[in-house]
Protein backbone atom coordinates (compact mmCIF):
# COMPACT_ATOMS: atom_id res chain seq x y z
CA MET A 1 -3.17 -30.84 20.82
CA ASP A 2 -4.42 -28.00 23.00
CA VAL A 3 -2.89 -24.73 21.80
CA ASN A 4 -4.75 -22.95 24.59
CA SER A 5 -1.93 -24.03 26.92
CA LEU A 6 0.66 -22.43 24.63
CA LEU A 7 -1.02 -19.04 24.21
CA PRO A 8 -0.59 -17.94 27.87
CA LEU A 9 3.05 -19.06 27.78
CA SER A 10 3.73 -16.91 24.73
CA ALA A 11 1.78 -14.02 26.24
CA LEU A 12 3.82 -14.16 29.46
CA GLY A 13 7.10 -13.87 27.56
CA ILE A 14 5.79 -11.06 25.38
CA TYR A 15 4.45 -9.04 28.32
CA PHE A 16 7.74 -9.29 30.21
CA HIS A 17 9.62 -8.30 27.06
CA ALA A 18 7.26 -5.33 26.68
CA ILE A 19 8.46 -3.94 30.04
CA TYR A 20 12.01 -3.66 28.71
CA VAL A 21 10.84 -2.34 25.36
CA SER A 22 8.89 0.42 27.14
CA LEU A 23 11.97 1.44 29.12
CA THR A 24 14.04 1.25 25.94
CA PHE A 25 11.62 3.75 24.38
CA GLY A 26 11.03 5.98 27.42
CA LEU A 27 14.38 6.24 29.18
CA PRO A 28 16.21 7.86 26.23
CA VAL A 29 13.62 10.66 26.32
CA ALA A 30 14.08 11.11 30.08
CA ILE A 31 17.88 10.99 29.77
CA GLY A 32 17.83 13.42 26.85
CA VAL A 33 15.74 15.91 28.84
CA MET A 34 18.18 15.71 31.75
CA LEU A 35 21.22 16.19 29.49
CA TRP A 36 19.57 19.17 27.77
CA LEU A 37 18.87 20.80 31.13
CA TRP A 38 22.41 20.04 32.33
CA GLY A 39 23.91 21.65 29.24
CA ARG A 40 21.64 24.65 29.60
CA THR A 41 21.94 25.25 33.37
CA GLY A 42 25.09 23.43 34.48
CA VAL A 43 23.17 21.97 37.47
CA ILE A 44 25.00 18.77 38.36
CA GLU A 45 21.85 16.99 39.59
CA TYR A 46 20.64 16.77 35.99
CA PHE A 47 23.82 15.00 34.90
CA ARG A 48 23.71 12.62 37.84
CA ALA A 49 20.10 11.77 37.03
CA ALA A 50 21.05 11.15 33.39
CA ARG A 51 23.95 8.95 34.42
CA LEU A 52 21.85 6.85 36.81
CA MET A 53 19.11 6.33 34.23
CA THR A 54 21.79 5.39 31.68
CA MET A 55 22.98 2.60 33.97
CA VAL A 56 19.39 1.36 34.25
CA LEU A 57 19.01 1.62 30.48
CA ALA A 58 22.14 -0.50 29.95
CA VAL A 59 20.87 -3.32 32.18
CA ASN A 60 17.40 -2.96 30.67
CA PHE A 61 18.80 -3.27 27.14
CA ALA A 62 20.60 -6.51 28.06
CA LEU A 63 17.40 -7.90 29.56
CA GLY A 64 15.45 -6.83 26.48
CA ALA A 65 17.88 -8.71 24.28
CA ILE A 66 17.66 -11.83 26.46
CA THR A 67 13.87 -11.86 26.68
CA GLY A 68 13.57 -10.96 23.00
CA THR A 69 15.65 -14.01 22.19
CA LEU A 70 13.35 -16.15 24.35
CA VAL A 71 10.31 -14.74 22.55
CA GLU A 72 11.82 -15.36 19.11
CA PHE A 73 12.90 -18.87 20.16
CA GLY A 74 9.34 -19.57 21.24
CA LEU A 75 8.04 -18.13 17.99
CA VAL A 76 9.93 -20.49 15.72
CA GLN A 77 9.85 -23.51 18.07
CA VAL A 78 6.35 -23.35 19.53
CA TRP A 79 4.68 -21.66 16.55
CA PRO A 80 6.69 -22.96 13.56
CA GLY A 81 3.78 -22.36 11.22
CA VAL A 82 4.61 -18.65 11.37
CA ASN A 83 7.57 -19.46 9.12
CA LEU A 84 5.10 -19.03 6.29
CA ALA A 85 4.65 -15.38 7.32
CA ILE A 86 8.32 -14.92 8.22
CA ALA A 87 9.37 -16.10 4.76
CA THR A 88 6.92 -13.76 3.01
CA PHE A 89 5.22 -10.74 4.60
CA ALA A 90 7.54 -10.52 7.61
CA PHE A 91 10.83 -11.27 5.87
CA ALA A 92 11.87 -7.75 4.83
CA PRO A 93 10.71 -6.02 8.06
CA LEU A 94 12.45 -8.59 10.29
CA ALA A 95 15.65 -8.45 8.22
CA LEU A 96 15.70 -4.66 8.61
CA GLU A 97 14.97 -5.07 12.32
CA LEU A 98 18.19 -7.06 12.75
CA ILE A 99 20.12 -4.16 11.19
CA ALA A 100 18.36 -1.70 13.50
CA PHE A 101 19.15 -3.86 16.54
CA ALA A 102 22.86 -4.05 15.65
CA ASN A 103 22.98 -0.26 15.40
CA GLU A 104 21.16 0.07 18.73
CA ILE A 105 23.96 -1.90 20.37
CA ALA A 106 26.70 0.17 18.72
CA PHE A 107 25.26 3.59 19.54
CA LEU A 108 24.21 2.64 23.08
CA ILE A 109 27.77 1.55 23.83
CA LEU A 110 29.11 4.73 22.24
CA PHE A 111 26.73 6.82 24.33
CA ILE A 112 27.66 5.05 27.58
CA VAL A 113 31.45 5.30 27.13
CA THR A 114 31.34 8.97 26.09
CA LEU A 115 28.78 10.22 28.63
CA GLY A 116 30.36 12.97 30.70
CA LYS A 117 33.46 13.02 28.50
CA VAL A 118 31.96 15.01 25.64
CA ARG A 119 29.71 18.04 25.52
CA PRO A 120 26.03 17.45 26.42
CA ALA A 121 24.95 18.35 22.90
CA ILE A 122 27.13 15.59 21.43
CA SER A 123 25.82 13.08 23.98
CA ILE A 124 22.25 14.07 23.05
CA VAL A 125 22.98 13.50 19.34
CA ILE A 126 24.46 10.04 20.02
CA LEU A 127 21.50 9.20 22.27
CA ALA A 128 19.08 10.43 19.61
CA VAL A 129 20.65 8.16 16.98
CA TYR A 130 20.41 5.21 19.37
CA ALA A 131 16.77 6.05 20.11
CA ALA A 132 16.01 6.43 16.39
CA PHE A 133 17.22 2.89 15.73
CA ALA A 134 15.26 1.64 18.77
CA TYR A 135 12.08 3.27 17.46
CA PHE A 136 12.80 1.99 13.96
CA SER A 137 13.07 -1.51 15.40
CA GLY A 138 9.73 -0.99 17.16
CA LEU A 139 8.26 0.31 13.91
CA LEU A 140 9.22 -2.86 12.05
CA ILE A 141 8.02 -5.26 14.74
CA THR A 142 4.74 -3.34 14.98
CA ALA A 143 4.35 -3.56 11.20
CA VAL A 144 4.66 -7.34 11.39
CA ASN A 145 2.18 -7.58 14.27
CA SER A 146 -0.17 -5.24 12.43
CA TRP A 147 -0.14 -7.59 9.45
CA LEU A 148 -1.49 -10.28 11.77
CA GLN A 149 -4.25 -7.82 12.73
CA ALA A 150 -4.96 -6.63 9.18
CA PRO A 151 -3.28 -8.88 6.57
CA TRP A 152 -2.45 -6.09 4.14
CA GLY A 153 -1.67 -7.24 0.64
CA THR A 154 -4.20 -10.08 0.60
CA GLY A 155 -6.90 -7.91 -0.98
CA PRO A 156 -10.36 -9.58 -0.97
CA LEU A 157 -9.09 -12.97 0.21
CA ALA A 158 -10.42 -12.73 3.78
CA GLN A 159 -13.62 -11.18 2.47
CA ALA A 160 -14.19 -14.21 0.24
CA LEU A 161 -14.23 -16.43 3.33
CA TYR A 162 -15.94 -13.93 5.67
CA PRO A 163 -18.13 -11.44 3.75
CA PHE A 164 -18.24 -8.98 6.68
CA MET A 165 -14.48 -8.41 6.39
CA PRO A 166 -13.04 -5.42 4.48
CA GLU A 167 -10.54 -5.71 1.66
CA TYR A 168 -6.97 -5.59 2.87
CA GLY A 169 -5.27 -3.31 0.41
CA PRO A 170 -3.88 -4.15 -3.01
CA LEU A 171 -3.52 -7.79 -3.94
CA ALA A 172 0.22 -8.42 -3.56
CA THR A 173 0.03 -12.20 -3.25
CA ASP A 174 -0.52 -15.25 -5.39
CA VAL A 175 -3.98 -16.09 -4.05
CA PRO A 176 -4.23 -19.70 -5.33
CA LYS A 177 -0.98 -20.61 -3.56
CA LEU A 178 -2.11 -19.14 -0.25
CA VAL A 179 -5.54 -20.75 -0.47
CA ALA A 180 -3.93 -24.07 -1.41
CA LEU A 181 -1.90 -23.97 1.82
CA LYS A 182 -5.05 -23.23 3.81
CA VAL A 183 -7.05 -25.98 2.11
CA ALA A 184 -4.19 -28.46 2.51
CA ALA A 185 -3.96 -27.75 6.24
CA LEU A 186 -7.73 -28.23 6.62
CA SER A 187 -7.77 -31.47 4.65
CA MET A 188 -4.77 -32.97 6.46
CA GLY A 189 -5.96 -31.88 9.90
CA GLN A 190 -2.37 -30.91 10.64
CA PRO A 191 -0.58 -27.57 11.13
CA ILE A 192 0.88 -25.69 8.20
CA SER A 193 4.27 -26.29 9.81
CA ILE A 194 4.04 -29.90 8.61
CA LEU A 195 3.72 -28.60 5.05
CA VAL A 196 6.37 -25.90 5.11
CA GLN A 197 9.03 -28.20 6.55
CA GLN A 198 9.04 -30.35 3.42
CA PRO A 199 12.45 -30.24 1.67
CA GLY A 200 12.30 -28.31 -1.57
CA LEU A 201 8.79 -26.98 -0.96
CA ALA A 202 9.81 -23.34 -1.46
CA GLU A 203 11.38 -24.13 -4.82
CA ARG A 204 8.29 -26.04 -5.97
CA VAL A 205 5.80 -23.40 -4.88
CA GLY A 206 7.85 -20.38 -6.01
CA VAL A 207 7.03 -16.74 -5.33
CA VAL A 208 4.00 -16.09 -3.10
CA LEU A 209 4.50 -12.39 -2.26
CA TYR A 210 5.19 -9.74 -4.91
CA ASP A 211 5.81 -6.73 -2.62
CA PRO A 212 8.14 -7.58 0.32
CA LEU A 213 7.39 -4.30 2.14
CA VAL A 214 3.61 -4.38 1.75
CA ALA A 215 3.11 -5.11 5.48
CA ALA A 216 4.73 -1.78 6.39
CA SER A 217 2.48 0.20 4.03
CA SER A 218 -0.74 -0.77 5.76
CA PRO A 219 -2.84 2.10 7.20
CA TYR A 220 -3.39 -0.16 10.20
CA ALA A 221 0.38 -0.51 10.64
CA ILE A 222 1.06 3.22 10.27
CA VAL A 223 -1.42 4.19 13.00
CA SER A 224 -0.32 1.27 15.19
CA ILE A 225 3.31 2.37 14.95
CA PHE A 226 2.58 5.82 16.35
CA HIS A 227 0.20 4.42 18.96
CA ASN A 228 2.48 1.63 20.22
CA ILE A 229 5.70 3.63 20.28
CA LEU A 230 4.07 6.56 22.08
CA ALA A 231 2.52 4.15 24.57
CA GLY A 232 5.95 2.62 25.20
CA ILE A 233 7.55 6.03 25.70
CA LEU A 234 4.82 7.05 28.14
CA VAL A 235 5.17 3.84 30.16
CA GLY A 236 8.96 4.25 30.32
CA LEU A 237 8.67 7.89 31.37
CA ALA A 238 6.00 7.03 33.96
CA ILE A 239 8.26 4.36 35.50
CA ALA A 240 11.16 6.83 35.67
CA THR A 241 8.95 9.55 37.16
CA ALA A 242 7.54 7.17 39.78
CA GLY A 243 11.09 6.19 40.71
CA TRP A 244 12.22 9.77 41.24
CA THR A 245 9.08 10.73 43.18
CA TYR A 246 9.66 7.70 45.41
CA ARG A 247 13.13 9.05 46.18
CA TYR A 248 11.62 12.43 47.01
CA TYR A 249 8.98 10.74 49.16
CA LYS A 250 11.64 8.83 51.13
CA THR A 251 14.18 11.65 51.51
CA GLY A 252 12.32 14.93 51.13
CA ASP A 253 15.37 16.29 49.28
CA PRO A 254 14.15 19.21 47.10
CA LYS A 255 16.82 18.46 44.47
CA TYR A 256 14.57 15.66 43.22
CA LEU A 257 11.83 18.17 42.39
CA LYS A 258 14.18 19.58 39.74
CA ILE A 259 14.22 16.16 38.09
CA ILE A 260 10.52 15.37 38.53
CA LYS A 261 9.19 18.62 37.04
CA PRO A 262 10.65 18.29 33.48
CA LEU A 263 9.65 14.62 33.38
CA VAL A 264 6.07 15.53 34.29
CA VAL A 265 5.98 18.24 31.60
CA THR A 266 7.26 15.76 29.01
CA ILE A 267 4.67 13.15 29.99
CA ALA A 268 1.89 15.75 29.83
CA VAL A 269 2.82 16.82 26.30
CA LEU A 270 3.02 13.24 25.03
CA PHE A 271 -0.16 12.22 26.85
CA VAL A 272 -2.10 14.97 25.08
CA ILE A 273 -0.80 13.69 21.74
CA GLN A 274 -1.49 10.05 22.54
CA ALA A 275 -4.83 9.91 24.34
CA PRO A 276 -7.17 12.19 22.38
CA ILE A 277 -5.41 12.13 19.00
CA VAL A 278 -3.40 8.99 18.19
CA ALA A 279 -5.63 6.68 20.26
CA HIS A 280 -8.67 8.05 18.44
CA PHE A 281 -7.18 7.24 15.03
CA MET A 282 -6.21 3.79 16.35
CA GLY A 283 -9.83 3.20 17.30
CA VAL A 284 -11.10 4.39 13.92
CA THR A 285 -8.66 2.03 12.21
CA VAL A 286 -9.91 -0.90 14.30
CA VAL A 287 -13.47 -0.02 13.31
CA GLN A 288 -12.48 -0.10 9.64
CA TYR A 289 -10.27 -3.19 9.53
CA ASN A 290 -11.32 -5.32 12.54
CA PRO A 291 -15.15 -5.31 12.49
CA THR A 292 -15.56 -8.28 14.84
CA LYS A 293 -13.07 -6.82 17.33
CA PHE A 294 -14.93 -3.51 17.40
CA ALA A 295 -18.22 -5.33 18.00
CA LEU A 296 -16.59 -7.26 20.86
CA MET A 297 -15.22 -4.04 22.37
CA GLU A 298 -18.68 -2.48 22.34
CA GLY A 299 -20.53 -5.61 23.44
CA ALA A 300 -22.59 -5.57 20.24
CA LYS A 301 -24.31 -8.94 20.02
CA GLU A 302 -27.08 -7.11 18.25
CA THR A 303 -26.79 -3.96 16.14
CA TYR A 304 -27.75 -0.89 18.19
CA HIS A 305 -27.61 2.91 18.16
CA ASN A 306 -25.39 5.05 20.37
CA SER A 307 -24.83 8.56 19.04
CA LEU A 308 -21.66 9.26 21.05
CA ILE A 309 -19.89 6.02 20.13
CA ALA A 310 -21.02 6.34 16.51
CA LEU A 311 -19.69 9.89 16.34
CA ILE A 312 -16.30 8.78 17.71
CA ALA A 313 -16.10 5.58 15.66
CA TYR A 314 -17.71 6.59 12.36
CA GLY A 315 -17.78 10.37 12.50
CA ASP A 316 -21.55 10.09 12.06
CA PRO A 317 -23.82 9.95 15.16
CA SER A 318 -26.68 8.48 13.12
CA LYS A 319 -24.85 5.30 12.09
CA PRO A 320 -25.65 2.11 14.01
CA ILE A 321 -23.01 0.12 15.89
CA VAL A 322 -22.79 -3.01 13.77
CA GLY A 323 -23.29 -6.19 15.80
CA PHE A 324 -22.80 -9.90 15.33
CA ASP A 325 -26.34 -10.30 14.01
CA GLN A 326 -25.26 -8.52 10.83
CA PHE A 327 -22.10 -10.62 10.60
CA TYR A 328 -24.17 -13.81 10.78
CA ALA A 329 -26.43 -12.44 8.07
CA LYS A 330 -23.37 -11.87 5.88
CA CYS A 331 -22.30 -15.47 6.41
CA GLU A 332 -25.69 -16.60 5.10
CA GLU A 333 -24.88 -14.82 1.82
CA LEU A 334 -22.27 -17.51 1.10
CA GLY A 335 -25.15 -19.87 0.43
CA GLY A 336 -24.15 -23.42 -0.44
CA THR A 337 -20.65 -22.61 -1.72
CA THR A 338 -18.21 -25.33 -0.65
CA LEU A 339 -14.45 -25.59 -0.32
CA GLY A 340 -14.55 -27.86 -3.32
CA ASP A 341 -16.18 -25.06 -5.33
CA VAL A 342 -13.43 -22.66 -4.26
CA ALA A 343 -10.73 -25.18 -5.15
CA ALA A 344 -12.23 -25.68 -8.61
CA LYS A 345 -12.72 -21.95 -9.22
CA LEU A 346 -9.14 -21.10 -8.32
CA GLY A 347 -7.68 -24.13 -10.06
CA LEU A 348 -5.99 -25.37 -6.90
CA SER A 349 -5.24 -28.89 -8.11
CA GLU A 350 -1.90 -27.80 -9.57
CA TYR A 351 -0.81 -26.13 -6.34
CA LEU A 352 -2.11 -28.92 -4.14
CA MET A 353 0.05 -31.34 -6.10
CA LEU A 354 3.06 -29.20 -5.21
CA LEU A 355 2.22 -29.58 -1.53
CA GLY A 356 2.00 -33.30 -1.33
CA PRO A 357 -0.02 -34.16 -3.31
CA VAL A 358 -2.99 -33.42 -1.05
CA ASP A 359 -6.34 -35.19 -1.19
CA VAL A 360 -9.12 -32.71 -0.38
CA SER A 361 -12.04 -35.02 -1.06
CA ASN A 362 -12.75 -35.33 2.67
CA ILE A 363 -13.43 -31.61 3.02
CA ALA A 364 -14.61 -30.70 -0.48
CA GLY A 365 -18.22 -30.67 0.67
CA VAL A 366 -17.63 -28.36 3.65
CA LYS A 367 -19.70 -25.20 3.22
CA LEU A 368 -18.01 -21.82 3.59
CA ARG A 369 -21.15 -20.62 5.36
CA ASP A 370 -20.65 -23.21 8.09
CA LEU A 371 -17.00 -22.24 8.57
CA CYS A 372 -17.97 -18.58 8.72
CA MET A 373 -20.70 -19.23 11.30
CA ALA A 374 -18.47 -21.42 13.46
CA ASP A 375 -15.68 -18.83 13.56
CA LEU A 376 -18.11 -16.05 14.45
CA GLN A 377 -19.39 -18.13 17.34
CA LYS A 378 -15.83 -18.62 18.59
CA ALA A 379 -15.22 -14.88 18.38
CA GLU A 380 -18.52 -14.00 20.06
CA SER A 381 -17.66 -16.24 23.02
CA LEU A 382 -14.96 -13.70 23.92
CA MET A 383 -17.33 -10.74 24.05
CA SER A 384 -17.60 -10.30 27.82
CA LYS A 385 -13.82 -10.50 28.30
CA ILE A 386 -13.03 -8.02 25.53
CA HIS A 387 -15.85 -5.59 26.33
CA TYR A 388 -15.06 -5.21 30.04
CA THR A 389 -11.30 -5.25 29.49
CA TYR A 390 -11.62 -2.47 26.93
CA TYR A 391 -13.65 -0.23 29.23
CA VAL A 392 -11.37 -0.85 32.22
CA LYS A 393 -8.57 0.26 29.88
CA VAL A 394 -10.49 3.43 28.98
CA PHE A 395 -11.26 4.20 32.64
CA SER A 396 -7.60 3.68 33.60
CA ALA A 397 -6.47 6.04 30.85
CA ILE A 398 -8.89 8.69 32.14
CA VAL A 399 -7.51 8.31 35.68
CA GLY A 400 -3.99 8.61 34.30
CA GLY A 401 -4.91 11.69 32.30
CA LEU A 402 -6.40 13.42 35.34
CA ALA A 403 -3.31 12.58 37.40
CA VAL A 404 -1.03 13.91 34.64
CA ALA A 405 -3.06 17.14 34.44
CA THR A 406 -2.95 17.59 38.22
CA LEU A 407 0.81 17.08 38.33
CA PHE A 408 1.38 19.35 35.35
CA PHE A 409 -0.52 22.29 36.78
CA TYR A 410 1.02 21.60 40.17
CA PHE A 411 4.42 22.41 38.67
CA VAL A 412 3.45 24.75 35.80
CA LYS A 413 1.61 27.82 36.99
CA ALA A 414 -1.63 28.69 35.20
CA PRO A 415 -4.50 30.92 36.34
CA ALA A 416 -7.40 28.97 37.87
CA LEU A 417 -5.94 25.60 36.91
CA THR A 418 -2.95 25.67 39.29
CA PRO A 419 -5.10 26.53 42.36
CA LEU A 420 -7.45 23.71 41.37
CA ALA A 421 -4.55 21.27 41.01
CA MET A 422 -3.19 22.37 44.38
CA LYS A 423 -6.57 21.85 45.99
CA VAL A 424 -6.98 18.36 44.50
CA ALA A 425 -3.42 17.40 45.44
CA SER A 426 -3.88 18.63 49.01
CA LEU A 427 -6.49 15.90 49.53
CA LEU A 428 -3.67 13.34 49.26
CA GLY A 429 -1.60 14.55 52.21
CA ASP A 430 1.67 16.46 52.47
CA GLU A 431 3.72 17.34 49.39
CA ARG A 432 5.94 14.27 49.44
CA ARG A 433 2.99 11.93 49.80
CA ARG A 434 0.78 13.69 47.24
CA LEU A 435 3.44 13.76 44.54
CA PHE A 436 4.20 10.08 45.05
CA ILE A 437 0.51 9.10 44.91
CA LEU A 438 -0.07 11.19 41.79
CA ALA A 439 3.01 9.65 40.13
CA LEU A 440 1.67 6.19 40.96
CA LEU A 441 -1.67 7.11 39.40
CA VAL A 442 0.17 8.28 36.27
CA LEU A 443 2.02 4.96 36.24
CA ILE A 444 -1.25 3.04 36.59
CA GLY A 445 -2.86 5.26 33.96
CA THR A 446 -0.17 4.40 31.42
CA VAL A 447 0.74 0.79 32.28
CA VAL A 448 -2.81 -0.56 32.69
CA PRO A 449 -4.09 0.89 29.38
CA ALA A 450 -0.98 -0.43 27.63
CA VAL A 451 -1.34 -3.94 29.10
CA LEU A 452 -5.09 -4.18 28.61
CA GLY A 453 -4.91 -2.50 25.21
CA TRP A 454 -2.47 -5.16 24.03
CA TYR A 455 -4.78 -7.86 25.43
CA VAL A 456 -7.71 -6.43 23.47
CA ARG A 457 -5.53 -6.12 20.37
CA GLU A 458 -4.32 -9.72 20.50
CA VAL A 459 -7.25 -11.65 21.96
CA GLY A 460 -9.79 -9.52 20.12
CA ARG A 461 -8.78 -10.98 16.74
CA LYS A 462 -9.38 -14.56 17.85
CA PRO A 463 -10.12 -17.21 16.74
CA TRP A 464 -7.56 -16.18 14.12
CA THR A 465 -3.83 -15.65 14.51
CA VAL A 466 -3.82 -13.89 11.15
CA TYR A 467 -7.11 -12.02 11.26
CA GLY A 468 -9.65 -13.82 9.09
CA LEU A 469 -7.14 -16.22 7.54
CA LEU A 470 -5.07 -18.48 9.82
CA TYR A 471 -5.90 -20.15 13.14
CA PRO A 472 -3.46 -20.68 16.06
CA GLU A 473 -3.80 -24.45 15.70
CA GLU A 474 -2.57 -24.18 12.10
CA LEU A 475 0.63 -22.49 13.27
CA ALA A 476 1.41 -24.40 16.47
CA THR A 477 4.02 -27.14 16.66
CA PRO A 478 2.70 -30.68 16.07
CA VAL A 479 5.13 -32.04 18.69
CA PRO A 480 3.00 -33.30 21.63
CA TYR A 481 5.80 -32.58 24.12
CA ALA A 482 5.21 -28.83 23.63
CA THR A 483 1.89 -29.07 25.48
CA SER A 484 3.12 -31.49 28.13
CA LEU A 485 3.17 -30.47 31.77
CA GLU A 486 6.94 -30.88 32.11
CA PHE A 487 7.73 -28.66 29.11
CA LEU A 488 5.29 -25.97 30.20
CA ALA A 489 6.65 -26.04 33.76
CA PHE A 490 10.21 -25.75 32.49
CA ALA A 491 9.36 -22.91 30.10
CA TYR A 492 7.43 -20.97 32.75
CA ALA A 493 10.31 -21.46 35.22
CA VAL A 494 12.87 -20.13 32.75
CA ILE A 495 10.78 -17.10 31.77
CA LEU A 496 9.86 -16.21 35.35
CA SER A 497 13.35 -16.69 36.79
CA VAL A 498 15.06 -14.68 34.04
CA ASN A 499 12.63 -11.81 34.35
CA ILE A 500 12.28 -11.69 38.13
CA LEU A 501 16.05 -11.72 38.59
CA GLY A 502 16.43 -9.20 35.78
CA LEU A 503 13.91 -6.80 37.27
CA TYR A 504 15.62 -7.14 40.65
CA ALA A 505 18.96 -6.32 39.00
CA MET A 506 17.44 -3.16 37.54
CA TYR A 507 16.07 -2.23 40.95
CA ILE A 508 19.55 -2.63 42.47
CA VAL A 509 21.06 -0.45 39.77
CA ALA A 510 18.33 2.19 40.18
CA THR A 511 18.67 2.37 43.96
CA ARG A 512 22.36 1.61 44.46
CA GLY A 513 23.87 2.44 41.11
CA PHE A 514 27.34 3.41 42.26
CA LYS A 515 27.61 0.33 44.47
CA PHE A 516 26.68 -1.72 41.42
CA LEU A 517 29.51 -0.11 39.45
CA GLU A 518 31.97 -0.99 42.20
CA LEU A 519 30.85 -4.62 42.18
CA LEU A 520 31.04 -4.69 38.38
CA LYS A 521 34.60 -3.35 38.41
CA ARG A 522 35.65 -5.97 40.95
CA GLY A 523 34.04 -8.67 38.85
CA VAL A 524 36.05 -7.76 35.74
CA GLY A 525 39.22 -7.01 37.69
CA VAL A 526 39.27 -3.25 37.11
CA SER A 527 40.86 -1.26 39.91
């Protein structure tokens, strides 16, 4: 079975879903700013802008729910081995996420039906509660994904298999049971999903995880939460800003400048928080908990010195950038230890009996050193992709930051900086054209780093799905039809058609919102 054909399919669904998540995060901020200005000034354009973006948000939320369902369906159908994680580390966060999602629905509906009928301050409070549940949902999903990046609660388990790995927090798991699952999957040559589908297996194995919320307490998760949610807000705000500048570009109506200016100021403030502060801590966390990913990002086949990168990554310009040569040397430290030695040391025979029983004699002589070396070679094969993708991401973020700064000082007067911004902007043509181009650069400078950053985050931890512990092939479905051409064609067709039509629907609402409302009323028979 070739899981390589399933990974792009999953990635496509996740990336489309991320568009709606970003708007879910960013539009409430944009709407809230407009409502605050409307309540403060009474200018009707602010309310109209808030109302239009609310209509887009409503359609976007529906599309997010639809695509989220497709993603979750694919998760349990195409990657059924993740049920092991869902039943343990991800259980509590995902259960709480369902509660958060239900409250999102309730407060979004309440906000929509009361908008314009209650005072702006009350609308802002309702919107804030909705947004809080949306961000809480994002927090929980990010915590689960972060556990895949840094399996917090497994202590020295990954380090025992790969000596260059760090320890992942306190040991909150029954190690022999987890290792028994891993060894059983290796010996059977079949995915873990074959094991976990056995009737009564959970009762036989018993408790594996002692702290159901350990995934959310990870330092990696905490930094990732701030980084991912801020990135989503910035992307959503950038899309909204680009939309309003496009209207100004097409019409030249100065009323749109009133809407664009506060959105630009909001983006600038959040960009300053995200790019130099939160993104830096995200990078430091990757250095600490994903050593192979950091080496891939920096193209470090061999250990080398770079004072600037070392200062940013380690806080010490004299430290070397650790390369794969040192990782290979760590693998050699495993010596002749075999899987059979590990099984005997941990007393796995009792647990392996619960799983089958499972005969591990065919792999008992496999050396941990050989497994370690082989996995490093798989990871190193991705170096060019990860290295260049990472630096394109960095360059795009710099372009976005410069565009944000130019727009900010274009609208907000500051000695020396405003004349400079005006001079730079003047190179792009007349005011309508220059504002639109700068807004597009802001959009590129937020979307591209977000897309490429997620690529580096996900692909950079390969060959593992759970960093250092579980492979994709151990979690994929054993059903051959899942990798057949007809299934893949059908799945791609469904994902593409749903999302293309959905994005077109949002475009219609954004450009002809009131016409959309008329059609909607006719459809439900409302006069």
